[in-house]
Amino acid sequence: MAYQALYRVWRSQRFDDIVGQKAVTQTLKNAIVSHKTSHAYLFTGPRGTGKTSAAKIFAKAINCPNSRDGEPCNECEMCRSITAGTQEDVIEIDAASNNGVEEIRFIRDRANYAPTKATYKVYIIDEVHMLSTGAFNALLKTLEEPKESVIFILATTEPYKIPATIISRTQRFDFKRINASDIIEHLEFILNESNISYEEQALGVIARSAEGGMRDALSILDQAISFSEGTITLNDAMQVTGSLTYEMMDDYLSACVEQNVAQALNALEQMLAAGKEARRFLEDLLQYCRDLLMYQQAPQLVTEKTSQLTTTFVSLSQEIKAEQLFQMIKILSETQNEIRFTNSATIYLEVATVKLAQKQPATSLSPLSQGEPAESQAVEKLQQEVSTLKKELKELKKNHGTASNSQPVPQAVHKKQASSYRVPTERVYQVLKEATRQDLNQVKEVWDDLLMSLSVTQRAMLKASEPVAAGPKSMVIAFDYEIVCQRATNDDELQLAIHNNLSRMIHDYAPDTVYITRESWPELRKNYLIQSKDNGQMNSFVPETDEEEIELIPQEPETTETVVTKAEELFGTDSVTIIDD
């Protein structure tokens, strides 16, 4: 038989075999035992955490005639056929390559028929977020009216791309990243069963490189077995994962602590020349600094499985202060974020190296805790400057109050600043001309779902906004803040996302959007109502408007007495002078 990868050979066949997901597996087992299973499940989480394996185990357990305590027997014909993928009542679909409407309609039609051999017909749709809008709509109909003998299990790594209407009709289970100690324990079990010798430190390196994914850990272990010569050593794991050796990190951090910039840059150049990847370089250094900090504060947390206590490591832990480690971790974390969006990672690494190797300014530490004379003088000087500023501010407030009493009208005029955002009045009027209360209500009903379907940035932009008018082809969105309104106006991707998602949530409704500030909305609405009444064009939007809004429409021109009365109310009787023209 051809060689099989470790992650296929050691794929979990029982709920108890799934590593690091106790809460999920126990809930599923209890549901099977108590016969309280749902018609649809949503498994979410990072790659390689057991979502698809749990789905297949669930399909076996619910159909196994010999199921015990919610676990499948894995020996009967039903269990073996599901494991082999030959059971026609358990259908596994990859949504990445079968994401069209026709495929989902075919599934929907087949779901109407009873299972042939199994008790339940189970559909496992992997990477379900890849389905098209039409496919989601077709799937939604099936989830709304489920058959008694049909169960859907949807798996995804990106749940935010799934419509809220789908999520609300499923039981959601979140699979978490598996911690390093659980991964190491499972790798040890596999290697012991396979009679392969290893060094414990090597498994720690592999576990950290897997970033919480068991499948990634087994793939790296597969490479390490092929690379090694009988025994998986620490050096083998370092070579396979591209991680830094402890000697490399010792030399680099020692140069930074000694403030030897040239030596630190030379160590960086040697590591990059050896093929070390920038992202892995930063991750390893962050882990190294974390281990130093933990060794200072709680040595028992730094085990031999996760770090090697070299002589240099112990020496650095005694030499570096905790405050300096905090600063180092901050610099490395900032650099890690910066290199995500650049093709010149080396430049950022060199800049970070110079920062690490330079002497940290005294202001980065707490002056009061140090108690040094120079720092105490600096604090005293700052306190004096603050006191002076407070006095000046008090005088300004006093003078400001005097000026306000003597010249009330100019002050009121100068306080108001002109808005930099130009409200698209004509476009708003065009929307109001065709707007209906029905269109606005249906947009408001799906508004929360729309926000959840957008990206994090787009959702944050629309969080402080609401639809205030909507017609068959367009709608008006009012923003609390002018700067956000301006940004949304220039964001073509936001316009397209709203257009596409609304067309999916409301059948055949894909409006263009007009953005205004919430402050300008009452005036725009009032002026439009006045204009509509004067022209005798009262459309469907106007009669359904609140009575207070209609009363805002002036019936007669204001008289001179009315103007004078309003002026006296605003500025006071003493400040108003009446001049007859």
Protein backbone atom coordinates (compact mmCIF):
# COMPACT_ATOMS: atom_id res chain seq x y z
CA MET A 1 0.00 0.00 0.00
CA ALA A 2 1.25 3.52 -0.82
CA TYR A 3 2.63 5.64 2.00
CA GLN A 4 0.04 7.77 3.81
CA ALA A 5 0.76 11.04 5.57
CA LEU A 6 0.66 10.97 9.35
CA TYR A 7 -2.35 13.26 9.58
CA ARG A 8 -4.33 10.72 7.51
CA VAL A 9 -3.06 7.67 9.37
CA TRP A 10 -3.73 9.20 12.79
CA ARG A 11 -6.97 10.99 11.94
CA SER A 12 -9.35 10.88 14.91
CA GLN A 13 -11.97 8.11 14.71
CA ARG A 14 -13.68 8.75 18.05
CA PHE A 15 -14.68 11.93 19.88
CA ASP A 16 -12.21 11.11 22.67
CA ASP A 17 -9.38 11.05 20.09
CA ILE A 18 -9.92 14.71 19.15
CA VAL A 19 -7.25 16.74 20.95
CA GLY A 20 -7.99 19.99 22.77
CA GLN A 21 -11.76 20.26 22.05
CA LYS A 22 -13.29 18.68 25.15
CA ALA A 23 -16.20 21.12 25.43
CA VAL A 24 -17.30 20.54 21.84
CA THR A 25 -16.95 16.75 21.81
CA GLN A 26 -18.69 16.26 25.16
CA THR A 27 -21.65 18.38 24.02
CA LEU A 28 -22.02 16.39 20.81
CA LYS A 29 -21.80 13.07 22.65
CA ASN A 30 -24.46 14.14 25.14
CA ALA A 31 -26.76 15.27 22.31
CA ILE A 32 -26.44 11.87 20.61
CA VAL A 33 -27.06 9.93 23.83
CA SER A 34 -30.14 12.01 24.74
CA HIS A 35 -31.46 12.00 21.12
CA LYS A 36 -31.50 15.81 21.05
CA THR A 37 -29.54 16.39 17.86
CA SER A 38 -30.16 19.43 15.68
CA HIS A 39 -30.89 19.42 11.95
CA ALA A 40 -27.90 21.72 11.23
CA TYR A 41 -24.52 22.39 12.83
CA LEU A 42 -21.82 24.97 12.15
CA PHE A 43 -18.23 24.03 13.07
CA THR A 44 -15.88 27.03 13.03
CA GLY A 45 -12.23 27.45 13.98
CA PRO A 46 -8.64 27.60 12.66
CA ARG A 47 -7.34 25.01 10.23
CA GLY A 48 -6.32 21.62 11.53
CA THR A 49 -8.28 21.74 14.79
CA GLY A 50 -10.61 18.78 14.10
CA LYS A 51 -13.74 20.29 12.48
CA THR A 52 -14.09 17.83 9.59
CA SER A 53 -12.97 14.88 11.74
CA ALA A 54 -15.64 15.73 14.32
CA ALA A 55 -18.25 15.94 11.55
CA LYS A 56 -17.42 12.44 10.27
CA ILE A 57 -17.34 11.00 13.78
CA PHE A 58 -20.75 12.59 14.43
CA ALA A 59 -22.10 11.02 11.22
CA LYS A 60 -20.82 7.60 12.35
CA ALA A 61 -22.06 7.90 15.93
CA ILE A 62 -25.57 8.93 14.97
CA ASN A 63 -25.89 6.10 12.41
CA CYS A 64 -23.94 3.37 14.26
CA PRO A 65 -26.23 0.57 15.52
CA ASN A 66 -23.67 -0.26 18.22
CA SER A 67 -23.09 3.32 19.41
CA ARG A 68 -22.22 3.55 23.09
CA ASP A 69 -21.99 6.73 25.19
CA GLY A 70 -22.21 8.78 22.00
CA GLU A 71 -19.15 7.10 20.45
CA PRO A 72 -19.19 4.97 17.25
CA CYS A 73 -17.95 1.38 17.42
CA ASN A 74 -15.81 1.78 14.24
CA GLU A 75 -16.24 -1.95 13.59
CA CYS A 76 -19.67 -2.35 12.00
CA GLU A 77 -20.28 -2.07 8.27
CA MET A 78 -21.85 1.38 8.63
CA CYS A 79 -18.84 2.85 10.52
CA ARG A 80 -16.31 1.32 8.13
CA SER A 81 -18.13 2.59 5.04
CA ILE A 82 -18.36 6.13 6.45
CA THR A 83 -14.66 6.06 7.39
CA ALA A 84 -13.77 4.88 3.87
CA GLY A 85 -16.05 7.51 2.29
CA THR A 86 -18.19 4.98 0.44
CA GLN A 87 -21.44 5.40 2.38
CA GLU A 88 -23.92 7.04 0.01
CA ASP A 89 -26.01 8.51 2.84
CA VAL A 90 -23.06 10.49 4.23
CA ILE A 91 -22.03 13.03 1.59
CA GLU A 92 -18.91 15.18 2.05
CA ILE A 93 -18.70 18.24 -0.22
CA ASP A 94 -15.91 20.76 -0.74
CA ALA A 95 -17.63 24.13 -1.16
CA ALA A 96 -14.47 25.66 -2.63
CA SER A 97 -14.95 23.69 -5.87
CA ASN A 98 -18.73 23.12 -5.65
CA ASN A 99 -19.96 26.58 -4.79
CA GLY A 100 -22.62 27.14 -7.42
CA VAL A 101 -26.39 27.31 -7.17
CA GLU A 102 -26.87 24.14 -9.21
CA GLU A 103 -24.78 22.01 -6.82
CA ILE A 104 -26.75 23.20 -3.78
CA ARG A 105 -30.07 22.73 -5.58
CA PHE A 106 -29.00 19.17 -6.39
CA ILE A 107 -28.28 18.60 -2.69
CA ARG A 108 -31.64 20.13 -1.78
CA ASP A 109 -33.47 17.81 -4.18
CA ARG A 110 -31.64 14.72 -2.90
CA ALA A 111 -32.38 15.72 0.70
CA ASN A 112 -36.09 15.17 0.01
CA TYR A 113 -35.49 11.43 -0.30
CA ALA A 114 -35.14 9.19 2.74
CA PRO A 115 -31.74 7.57 3.46
CA THR A 116 -31.23 4.15 1.89
CA LYS A 117 -29.14 2.37 4.56
CA ALA A 118 -28.36 4.83 7.32
CA THR A 119 -30.78 6.21 9.88
CA TYR A 120 -29.83 9.80 9.00
CA LYS A 121 -28.63 11.30 5.75
CA VAL A 122 -25.70 13.59 6.68
CA TYR A 123 -24.30 16.34 4.45
CA ILE A 124 -20.84 17.66 5.44
CA ILE A 125 -20.05 20.90 3.58
CA ASP A 126 -16.44 21.93 4.13
CA GLU A 127 -15.27 25.56 3.67
CA VAL A 128 -18.91 26.61 3.42
CA HIS A 129 -17.97 30.31 3.32
CA MET A 130 -16.90 29.78 -0.31
CA LEU A 131 -20.51 29.32 -1.47
CA SER A 132 -21.90 31.97 -3.80
CA THR A 133 -24.78 34.26 -2.86
CA GLY A 134 -27.23 32.21 -4.88
CA ALA A 135 -25.99 28.98 -3.34
CA PHE A 136 -26.50 30.39 0.16
CA ASN A 137 -30.05 31.36 -0.75
CA ALA A 138 -30.72 27.85 -2.04
CA LEU A 139 -29.25 26.33 1.13
CA LEU A 140 -31.28 28.67 3.33
CA LYS A 141 -34.53 27.25 1.98
CA THR A 142 -33.46 23.75 2.97
CA LEU A 143 -32.41 24.84 6.46
CA GLU A 144 -35.72 26.65 6.97
CA GLU A 145 -37.76 23.50 6.26
CA PRO A 146 -35.52 20.58 7.31
CA LYS A 147 -36.44 16.94 6.81
CA GLU A 148 -36.49 14.75 9.90
CA SER A 149 -33.88 12.33 8.57
CA VAL A 150 -31.43 14.93 7.17
CA ILE A 151 -28.58 16.64 9.06
CA PHE A 152 -26.31 19.35 7.68
CA ILE A 153 -22.84 19.97 9.14
CA LEU A 154 -21.19 23.14 7.84
CA ALA A 155 -17.46 23.64 8.49
CA THR A 156 -15.52 26.87 7.93
CA THR A 157 -12.41 28.77 8.95
CA GLU A 158 -14.04 32.15 8.19
CA PRO A 159 -17.47 32.33 9.86
CA TYR A 160 -17.78 36.09 9.35
CA LYS A 161 -18.30 35.45 5.62
CA ILE A 162 -21.40 33.36 6.26
CA PRO A 163 -24.76 35.21 6.19
CA ALA A 164 -26.34 35.73 9.59
CA THR A 165 -29.52 34.12 8.27
CA ILE A 166 -27.61 30.84 7.85
CA ILE A 167 -25.82 31.05 11.21
CA SER A 168 -29.08 31.68 13.08
CA ARG A 169 -30.49 28.38 11.78
CA THR A 170 -27.58 26.24 13.00
CA GLN A 171 -26.01 25.17 16.28
CA ARG A 172 -22.59 26.77 16.30
CA PHE A 173 -19.49 25.13 17.81
CA ASP A 174 -16.21 27.04 17.93
CA PHE A 175 -13.08 24.90 17.74
CA LYS A 176 -10.16 26.58 19.52
CA ARG A 177 -6.46 26.51 18.79
CA ILE A 178 -4.81 23.53 20.47
CA ASN A 179 -2.24 24.52 23.11
CA ALA A 180 1.37 23.42 22.71
CA SER A 181 1.37 20.99 25.65
CA ASP A 182 -1.57 19.01 24.18
CA ILE A 183 0.14 18.88 20.78
CA ILE A 184 3.39 17.66 22.34
CA GLU A 185 1.54 14.97 24.27
CA HIS A 186 -0.18 13.71 21.11
CA LEU A 187 3.06 13.74 19.10
CA GLU A 188 4.77 11.73 21.84
CA PHE A 189 1.97 9.14 21.69
CA ILE A 190 2.27 8.82 17.90
CA LEU A 191 6.07 8.49 17.95
CA ASN A 192 5.96 5.94 20.77
CA GLU A 193 3.38 3.89 18.87
CA SER A 194 5.53 4.13 15.73
CA ASN A 195 8.75 3.19 17.61
CA ILE A 196 10.54 6.37 16.52
CA SER A 197 13.02 7.95 18.94
CA TYR A 198 13.03 11.70 19.51
CA GLU A 199 14.26 14.56 21.68
CA GLU A 200 11.60 16.30 23.75
CA GLN A 201 12.90 19.78 22.83
CA ALA A 202 12.32 18.94 19.16
CA LEU A 203 8.62 18.33 19.79
CA GLY A 204 8.37 21.70 21.54
CA VAL A 205 9.74 23.44 18.43
CA ILE A 206 7.28 21.56 16.20
CA ALA A 207 4.34 22.36 18.50
CA ARG A 208 5.12 26.10 18.49
CA SER A 209 5.52 26.12 14.70
CA ALA A 210 2.11 24.47 14.24
CA GLU A 211 0.39 27.53 15.77
CA GLY A 212 -2.42 25.54 17.36
CA GLY A 213 -3.19 23.23 14.43
CA MET A 214 -2.78 19.49 14.95
CA ARG A 215 -2.74 18.77 11.21
CA ASP A 216 0.11 21.25 10.72
CA ALA A 217 1.99 19.66 13.62
CA LEU A 218 1.67 16.18 12.06
CA SER A 219 2.76 17.50 8.65
CA ILE A 220 5.88 19.08 10.20
CA LEU A 221 6.54 15.87 12.14
CA ASP A 222 6.29 13.94 8.87
CA GLN A 223 8.99 16.17 7.39
CA ALA A 224 11.18 15.85 10.48
CA ILE A 225 10.98 12.05 10.33
CA SER A 226 12.07 12.09 6.69
CA PHE A 227 14.85 14.59 7.41
CA SER A 228 16.23 12.86 10.49
CA GLU A 229 18.52 9.85 10.59
CA GLY A 230 16.58 7.59 12.92
CA THR A 231 16.15 10.06 15.81
CA ILE A 232 14.31 13.37 15.61
CA THR A 233 16.75 15.84 17.17
CA LEU A 234 16.33 19.46 18.16
CA ASN A 235 18.51 20.52 15.24
CA ASP A 236 16.32 18.50 12.84
CA ALA A 237 13.21 20.30 14.06
CA MET A 238 14.96 23.68 13.79
CA GLN A 239 16.02 22.95 10.21
CA VAL A 240 12.60 21.70 9.09
CA THR A 241 10.62 24.58 10.65
CA GLY A 242 13.13 27.30 9.77
CA SER A 243 13.30 28.33 13.41
CA LEU A 244 16.25 30.03 15.05
CA THR A 245 18.59 27.92 17.12
CA TYR A 246 19.02 28.89 20.76
CA GLU A 247 22.64 29.81 20.02
CA MET A 248 21.50 32.28 17.33
CA MET A 249 19.03 33.94 19.68
CA ASP A 250 21.62 33.97 22.50
CA ASP A 251 24.13 35.80 20.28
CA TYR A 252 21.58 38.24 18.88
CA LEU A 253 20.00 39.23 22.21
CA SER A 254 23.42 39.42 23.91
CA ALA A 255 24.58 41.95 21.29
CA CYS A 256 21.38 43.97 21.77
CA VAL A 257 21.72 44.00 25.57
CA GLU A 258 25.39 45.04 25.29
CA GLN A 259 24.25 47.89 22.97
CA ASN A 260 26.59 46.64 20.26
CA VAL A 261 24.61 47.71 17.19
CA ALA A 262 27.18 46.51 14.66
CA GLN A 263 27.37 43.03 16.18
CA ALA A 264 23.57 42.76 16.40
CA LEU A 265 23.17 43.76 12.75
CA ASN A 266 25.87 41.26 11.76
CA ALA A 267 24.05 38.48 13.66
CA LEU A 268 20.80 39.45 11.89
CA GLU A 269 22.51 39.34 8.48
CA GLN A 270 23.93 35.87 9.17
CA MET A 271 20.52 34.51 10.20
CA LEU A 272 18.78 35.92 7.11
CA ALA A 273 21.59 34.60 4.89
CA ALA A 274 20.98 31.16 6.40
CA GLY A 275 17.44 31.31 5.00
CA LYS A 276 15.53 32.27 8.14
CA GLU A 277 12.14 33.79 7.30
CA ALA A 278 11.32 37.21 8.78
CA ARG A 279 7.99 36.21 10.31
CA ARG A 280 9.47 33.10 11.94
CA PHE A 281 12.46 35.16 13.13
CA LEU A 282 10.19 37.57 15.02
CA GLU A 283 8.01 34.80 16.45
CA ASP A 284 11.04 32.97 17.82
CA LEU A 285 12.50 36.14 19.35
CA LEU A 286 9.17 37.00 20.99
CA GLN A 287 9.00 33.49 22.44
CA TYR A 288 12.62 33.82 23.65
CA CYS A 289 11.90 37.16 25.37
CA ARG A 290 8.76 35.65 26.89
CA ASP A 291 10.80 32.74 28.26
CA LEU A 292 13.33 35.18 29.74
CA LEU A 293 10.54 37.10 31.47
CA MET A 294 8.87 33.94 32.76
CA TYR A 295 12.20 32.55 33.98
CA GLN A 296 12.71 35.77 35.98
CA GLN A 297 9.24 35.82 37.51
CA ALA A 298 8.19 32.14 37.62
CA PRO A 299 10.99 29.69 36.65
CA GLN A 300 8.69 26.67 37.00
CA LEU A 301 6.67 27.81 33.95
CA VAL A 302 9.71 27.49 31.67
CA THR A 303 9.99 23.76 31.13
CA GLU A 304 12.59 21.93 29.13
CA LYS A 305 9.93 21.04 26.56
CA THR A 306 9.43 24.65 25.53
CA SER A 307 12.92 26.14 25.91
CA GLN A 308 16.51 25.12 26.43
CA LEU A 309 18.18 26.67 29.46
CA THR A 310 21.56 27.54 27.98
CA THR A 311 24.24 29.30 29.99
CA THR A 312 23.72 32.50 28.01
CA PHE A 313 19.95 32.30 28.57
CA VAL A 314 20.37 32.10 32.35
CA SER A 315 22.93 34.89 32.27
CA LEU A 316 20.63 37.16 30.22
CA SER A 317 17.70 36.50 32.56
CA GLN A 318 19.81 37.84 35.45
CA GLU A 319 21.20 40.78 33.50
CA ILE A 320 18.11 42.16 31.73
CA LYS A 321 15.55 44.07 33.79
CA ALA A 322 11.86 43.31 33.37
CA GLU A 323 11.21 46.86 32.07
CA GLN A 324 13.76 46.34 29.30
CA LEU A 325 12.12 43.06 28.31
CA PHE A 326 8.74 44.84 28.14
CA GLN A 327 10.26 47.37 25.76
CA MET A 328 11.86 44.65 23.62
CA ILE A 329 8.59 42.73 23.33
CA LYS A 330 6.80 45.93 22.35
CA ILE A 331 9.34 46.70 19.59
CA LEU A 332 9.19 43.13 18.24
CA SER A 333 5.37 43.13 18.27
CA GLU A 334 5.19 46.44 16.40
CA THR A 335 7.66 45.13 13.82
CA GLN A 336 5.60 41.96 13.45
CA ASN A 337 2.57 44.04 12.49
CA GLU A 338 4.56 46.23 10.10
CA ILE A 339 6.08 43.42 8.01
CA ARG A 340 2.65 41.92 7.29
CA PHE A 341 2.04 44.50 4.53
CA THR A 342 5.47 44.96 3.01
CA ASN A 343 7.85 43.22 0.62
CA SER A 344 10.89 44.75 2.33
CA ALA A 345 10.83 42.92 5.63
CA THR A 346 14.62 43.11 5.99
CA ILE A 347 14.47 46.89 6.38
CA TYR A 348 12.02 46.65 9.26
CA LEU A 349 14.11 43.95 10.92
CA GLU A 350 17.23 46.14 10.67
CA VAL A 351 15.37 49.13 12.14
CA ALA A 352 14.05 46.94 14.97
CA THR A 353 17.55 45.65 15.63
CA VAL A 354 18.91 49.20 15.95
CA LYS A 355 16.07 50.06 18.38
CA LEU A 356 16.75 46.97 20.48
CA ALA A 357 20.50 47.66 20.62
CA GLN A 358 20.16 51.33 21.51
CA LYS A 359 20.01 52.55 25.08
CA GLN A 360 16.40 53.00 26.16
CA PRO A 361 15.52 56.57 27.21
CA ALA A 362 15.04 57.19 30.91
CA THR A 363 11.50 58.42 30.30
CA SER A 364 10.47 54.89 29.29
CA LEU A 365 10.91 53.82 32.90
CA SER A 366 8.95 55.04 35.90
CA PRO A 367 10.83 58.03 37.44
CA LEU A 368 9.16 57.72 40.82
CA SER A 369 10.15 54.07 41.18
CA GLN A 370 13.79 54.77 40.30
CA GLY A 371 14.28 57.68 42.70
CA GLU A 372 17.29 59.09 40.81
CA PRO A 373 18.06 62.82 41.30
CA ALA A 374 18.08 63.72 37.61
CA GLU A 375 14.71 62.08 37.00
CA SER A 376 13.24 63.70 40.12
CA GLN A 377 14.32 67.10 38.82
CA ALA A 378 12.65 66.34 35.48
CA VAL A 379 9.42 65.44 37.25
CA GLU A 380 9.54 68.61 39.33
CA LYS A 381 10.11 70.72 36.20
CA LEU A 382 7.13 69.10 34.47
CA GLN A 383 4.95 69.79 37.50
CA GLN A 384 5.92 73.47 37.42
CA GLU A 385 5.09 73.70 33.72
CA VAL A 386 1.70 72.08 34.30
CA SER A 387 0.96 74.55 37.10
CA THR A 388 1.87 77.49 34.83
CA LEU A 389 -0.35 76.16 32.05
CA LYS A 390 -3.26 75.84 34.48
CA LYS A 391 -2.90 79.50 35.49
CA GLU A 392 -2.78 80.64 31.85
CA LEU A 393 -5.85 78.54 31.05
CA LYS A 394 -7.74 80.12 33.96
CA GLU A 395 -6.88 83.62 32.70
CA LEU A 396 -7.97 82.72 29.16
CA LYS A 397 -11.32 81.44 30.45
CA LYS A 398 -11.80 84.64 32.43
CA ASN A 399 -10.97 86.88 29.45
CA HIS A 400 -13.12 84.71 27.21
CA GLY A 401 -16.12 85.20 29.49
CA THR A 402 -15.66 89.02 29.51
CA ALA A 403 -15.39 89.15 25.74
CA SER A 404 -18.49 86.99 25.39
CA ASN A 405 -20.57 89.37 27.54
CA SER A 406 -19.50 92.47 25.64
CA GLN A 407 -19.84 91.02 22.13
CA PRO A 408 -22.37 88.19 22.11
CA VAL A 409 -23.28 88.22 18.42
CA PRO A 410 -19.75 88.04 16.91
CA GLN A 411 -18.84 85.26 19.34
CA ALA A 412 -21.85 83.24 18.25
CA VAL A 413 -20.93 83.78 14.62
CA HIS A 414 -17.29 82.75 15.01
CA LYS A 415 -18.02 79.64 17.08
CA LYS A 416 -19.71 77.83 14.21
CA GLN A 417 -17.24 76.37 11.73
CA ALA A 418 -18.13 75.62 8.17
CA SER A 419 -18.56 71.97 7.32
CA SER A 420 -15.95 70.51 4.96
CA TYR A 421 -18.33 67.84 3.68
CA ARG A 422 -20.57 68.83 0.80
CA VAL A 423 -23.98 67.22 1.22
CA PRO A 424 -25.33 65.80 -2.09
CA THR A 425 -28.68 67.61 -1.79
CA GLU A 426 -29.96 66.81 -5.28
CA ARG A 427 -29.21 63.09 -4.88
CA VAL A 428 -30.99 63.05 -1.52
CA TYR A 429 -34.04 64.75 -3.04
CA GLN A 430 -34.06 62.19 -5.85
CA VAL A 431 -34.10 59.36 -3.29
CA LEU A 432 -36.89 61.04 -1.29
CA LYS A 433 -38.93 61.49 -4.46
CA GLU A 434 -39.15 57.70 -4.88
CA ALA A 435 -38.79 56.67 -1.21
CA THR A 436 -41.38 54.52 0.51
CA ARG A 437 -41.83 53.46 4.11
CA GLN A 438 -41.94 49.82 2.99
CA ASP A 439 -38.46 49.98 1.41
CA LEU A 440 -37.04 51.69 4.49
CA ASN A 441 -38.56 49.13 6.87
CA GLN A 442 -37.19 46.15 4.97
CA VAL A 443 -33.70 47.68 4.96
CA LYS A 444 -33.89 48.32 8.71
CA GLU A 445 -34.98 44.70 9.30
CA VAL A 446 -31.78 43.32 7.74
CA TRP A 447 -29.47 46.16 8.84
CA ASP A 448 -27.85 44.15 11.66
CA ASP A 449 -27.37 41.17 9.34
CA LEU A 450 -25.83 43.48 6.76
CA LEU A 451 -23.29 44.79 9.29
CA MET A 452 -22.29 41.24 10.26
CA SER A 453 -21.70 40.32 6.61
CA LEU A 454 -19.20 43.17 6.06
CA SER A 455 -15.51 43.20 6.87
CA VAL A 456 -14.36 44.45 10.28
CA THR A 457 -13.29 47.84 8.86
CA GLN A 458 -16.51 48.34 6.91
CA ARG A 459 -18.61 47.26 9.90
CA ALA A 460 -16.82 49.78 12.15
CA MET A 461 -17.49 52.52 9.58
CA LEU A 462 -21.24 51.81 9.44
CA LYS A 463 -21.61 51.21 13.19
CA ALA A 464 -22.45 54.87 13.86
CA SER A 465 -24.98 55.21 11.04
CA GLU A 466 -28.51 54.21 10.07
CA PRO A 467 -30.70 54.20 6.97
CA VAL A 468 -33.12 57.16 7.05
CA ALA A 469 -34.79 56.86 3.63
CA ALA A 470 -35.02 54.16 0.99
CA GLY A 471 -36.58 53.73 -2.41
CA PRO A 472 -36.65 51.02 -5.10
CA LYS A 473 -33.24 51.95 -6.50
CA SER A 474 -31.42 53.97 -3.83
CA MET A 475 -31.29 54.81 -0.14
CA VAL A 476 -29.89 57.47 2.22
CA ILE A 477 -27.58 56.57 5.11
CA ALA A 478 -26.98 59.15 7.87
CA PHE A 479 -23.66 59.14 9.79
CA ASP A 480 -23.07 60.48 13.29
CA TYR A 481 -19.65 61.84 12.35
CA GLU A 482 -18.74 63.93 9.34
CA ILE A 483 -15.25 62.43 8.94
CA VAL A 484 -16.69 58.91 8.72
CA CYS A 485 -19.31 60.09 6.23
CA GLN A 486 -16.56 61.61 4.06
CA ARG A 487 -14.54 58.39 4.20
CA ALA A 488 -17.55 56.23 3.32
CA THR A 489 -18.32 58.44 0.32
CA ASN A 490 -14.86 57.77 -1.10
CA ASP A 491 -14.93 54.03 -0.37
CA ASP A 492 -16.02 52.20 -3.53
CA GLU A 493 -15.54 48.79 -1.89
CA LEU A 494 -18.04 49.69 0.85
CA GLN A 495 -20.60 50.75 -1.76
CA LEU A 496 -20.12 47.46 -3.63
CA ALA A 497 -20.32 45.37 -0.42
CA ILE A 498 -23.60 47.03 0.63
CA HIS A 499 -24.97 46.62 -2.89
CA ASN A 500 -24.10 42.90 -3.09
CA ASN A 501 -25.10 41.91 0.43
CA LEU A 502 -28.45 43.70 0.33
CA SER A 503 -29.24 42.00 -2.99
CA ARG A 504 -28.64 38.69 -1.24
CA MET A 505 -30.69 39.50 1.85
CA ILE A 506 -33.59 41.25 0.08
CA HIS A 507 -34.66 39.61 -3.17
CA ASP A 508 -33.89 41.76 -6.25
CA TYR A 509 -33.03 44.80 -4.12
CA ALA A 510 -29.63 46.35 -4.82
CA PRO A 511 -29.86 50.09 -4.07
CA ASP A 512 -27.26 52.76 -4.67
CA THR A 513 -26.28 54.56 -1.46
CA VAL A 514 -26.16 58.26 -0.66
CA TYR A 515 -24.26 59.34 2.46
CA ILE A 516 -25.10 62.37 4.59
CA THR A 517 -24.39 63.57 8.11
CA ARG A 518 -27.08 63.06 10.74
CA GLU A 519 -26.89 66.77 11.52
CA SER A 520 -27.93 67.71 7.96
CA TRP A 521 -30.82 65.23 7.72
CA PRO A 522 -33.59 67.24 9.51
CA GLU A 523 -32.91 70.32 7.36
CA LEU A 524 -32.82 68.28 4.14
CA ARG A 525 -36.07 66.54 5.02
CA LYS A 526 -37.78 69.80 5.97
CA ASN A 527 -36.73 71.57 2.77
CA TYR A 528 -37.85 68.64 0.66
CA LEU A 529 -41.28 68.58 2.30
CA ILE A 530 -41.67 72.32 1.72
CA GLN A 531 -40.60 71.96 -1.91
CA SER A 532 -42.93 68.99 -2.48
CA LYS A 533 -45.91 70.81 -1.02
CA ASP A 534 -45.26 73.95 -3.09
CA ASN A 535 -45.03 71.90 -6.28
CA GLY A 536 -48.00 69.71 -5.39
CA GLN A 537 -45.84 66.58 -5.61
CA MET A 538 -46.60 64.85 -2.32
CA ASN A 539 -45.15 61.38 -2.89
CA SER A 540 -45.57 58.21 -0.84
CA PHE A 541 -42.79 59.22 1.52
CA VAL A 542 -44.47 62.43 2.69
CA PRO A 543 -47.89 61.26 3.98
CA GLU A 544 -46.27 58.63 6.21
CA THR A 545 -43.97 61.18 7.82
CA ASP A 546 -44.61 62.05 11.46
CA GLU A 547 -47.05 64.88 12.15
CA GLU A 548 -44.33 66.90 13.86
CA GLU A 549 -42.25 66.89 10.67
CA ILE A 550 -45.18 68.09 8.55
CA GLU A 551 -45.84 70.87 11.02
CA LEU A 552 -42.31 72.10 10.35
CA ILE A 553 -43.51 73.30 6.94
CA PRO A 554 -44.24 77.04 7.26
CA GLN A 555 -47.72 77.99 6.12
CA GLU A 556 -47.11 81.73 5.84
CA PRO A 557 -44.08 84.01 5.55
CA GLU A 558 -42.79 85.17 8.89
CA THR A 559 -43.78 88.70 9.89
CA THR A 560 -41.37 91.37 11.12
CA GLU A 561 -42.69 90.97 14.66
CA THR A 562 -41.92 87.24 14.58
CA VAL A 563 -38.35 87.88 13.45
CA VAL A 564 -37.79 90.48 16.16
CA THR A 565 -39.19 88.15 18.83
CA LYS A 566 -36.89 85.30 17.77
CA ALA A 567 -33.88 87.62 17.74
CA GLU A 568 -34.64 88.82 21.28
CA GLU A 569 -34.99 85.22 22.44
CA LEU A 570 -31.59 84.33 20.97
CA PHE A 571 -29.48 87.36 21.87
CA GLY A 572 -31.39 89.13 24.68
CA THR A 573 -33.43 92.33 24.64
CA ASP A 574 -30.44 94.60 25.36
CA SER A 575 -28.43 93.31 22.41
CA VAL A 576 -31.14 93.82 19.74
CA THR A 577 -31.64 97.19 18.00
CA ILE A 578 -34.64 97.62 15.67
CA ILE A 579 -33.98 99.77 12.58
CA ASP A 580 -36.84 100.61 10.20
CA ASP A 581 -35.70 100.65 6.57
